[in-house]
Amino acid sequence: MSTKEIVQDLLQRLPENVSLHDIAQEIEFVAAIRHGIDELDRGESIPIEQVENELRSWVIR
């Protein structure tokens, strides 16, 4: 599915009274997901162990 087709599908699913701001947010969300999937396809992932270790330092106790 092309990028244009993805946006067209997204627009069809949104309600008629949706704001331009909400449309922009939805497109940005889809773009971020696609970017993440592309990174995974290129093998640019972070091991879960590294994420777990970093997450511990983010949590305030």
Protein backbone atom coordinates (compact mmCIF):
# COMPACT_ATOMS: atom_id res chain seq x y z
CA MET A 1 0.00 0.00 0.00
CA SER A 2 1.45 3.37 -0.98
CA THR A 3 1.74 6.29 1.42
CA LYS A 4 -0.98 8.13 -0.46
CA GLU A 5 -3.28 5.13 -0.19
CA ILE A 6 -2.63 4.88 3.54
CA VAL A 7 -3.58 8.53 4.04
CA GLN A 8 -6.67 8.13 1.87
CA ASP A 9 -7.73 5.11 3.92
CA LEU A 10 -7.12 7.04 7.13
CA LEU A 11 -9.24 9.96 5.91
CA GLN A 12 -12.08 7.60 5.03
CA ARG A 13 -12.07 6.22 8.58
CA LEU A 14 -12.17 9.59 10.34
CA PRO A 15 -15.46 11.31 11.16
CA GLU A 16 -16.69 14.11 8.89
CA ASN A 17 -16.27 16.78 11.56
CA VAL A 18 -12.62 15.96 12.33
CA SER A 19 -10.31 18.97 12.69
CA LEU A 20 -7.19 19.58 10.61
CA HIS A 21 -5.19 19.32 13.83
CA ASP A 22 -6.61 15.86 14.54
CA ILE A 23 -5.92 14.76 10.95
CA ALA A 24 -2.32 15.95 11.27
CA GLN A 25 -1.91 14.06 14.55
CA GLU A 26 -3.29 10.86 13.01
CA ILE A 27 -0.94 11.14 10.02
CA GLU A 28 2.01 11.82 12.33
CA PHE A 29 1.12 8.74 14.38
CA VAL A 30 0.91 6.50 11.30
CA ALA A 31 4.20 7.94 10.00
CA ALA A 32 5.93 7.17 13.30
CA ILE A 33 4.65 3.59 13.28
CA ARG A 34 5.80 3.09 9.69
CA HIS A 35 9.20 4.58 10.53
CA GLY A 36 9.56 2.16 13.44
CA ILE A 37 8.62 -0.81 11.27
CA ASP A 38 11.17 0.29 8.66
CA GLU A 39 13.84 0.46 11.38
CA LEU A 40 12.97 -3.06 12.53
CA ASP A 41 13.12 -4.31 8.93
CA ARG A 42 16.64 -2.85 8.67
CA GLY A 43 17.66 -4.59 11.91
CA GLU A 44 17.91 -1.34 13.85
CA SER A 45 16.16 -2.58 16.97
CA ILE A 46 17.17 -2.33 20.61
CA PRO A 47 17.38 -5.54 22.65
CA ILE A 48 14.65 -5.78 25.29
CA GLU A 49 17.29 -6.19 28.00
CA GLN A 50 18.72 -2.76 27.15
CA VAL A 51 15.26 -1.20 27.22
CA GLU A 52 14.53 -2.78 30.60
CA ASN A 53 17.81 -1.48 32.04
CA GLU A 54 17.20 2.04 30.74
CA LEU A 55 13.60 2.00 31.93
CA ARG A 56 14.73 1.39 35.49
CA SER A 57 16.63 4.68 35.46
CA TRP A 58 13.56 6.56 34.15
CA VAL A 59 11.25 5.43 36.96
CA ILE A 60 11.02 7.82 39.89
CA ARG A 61 10.72 6.15 43.26
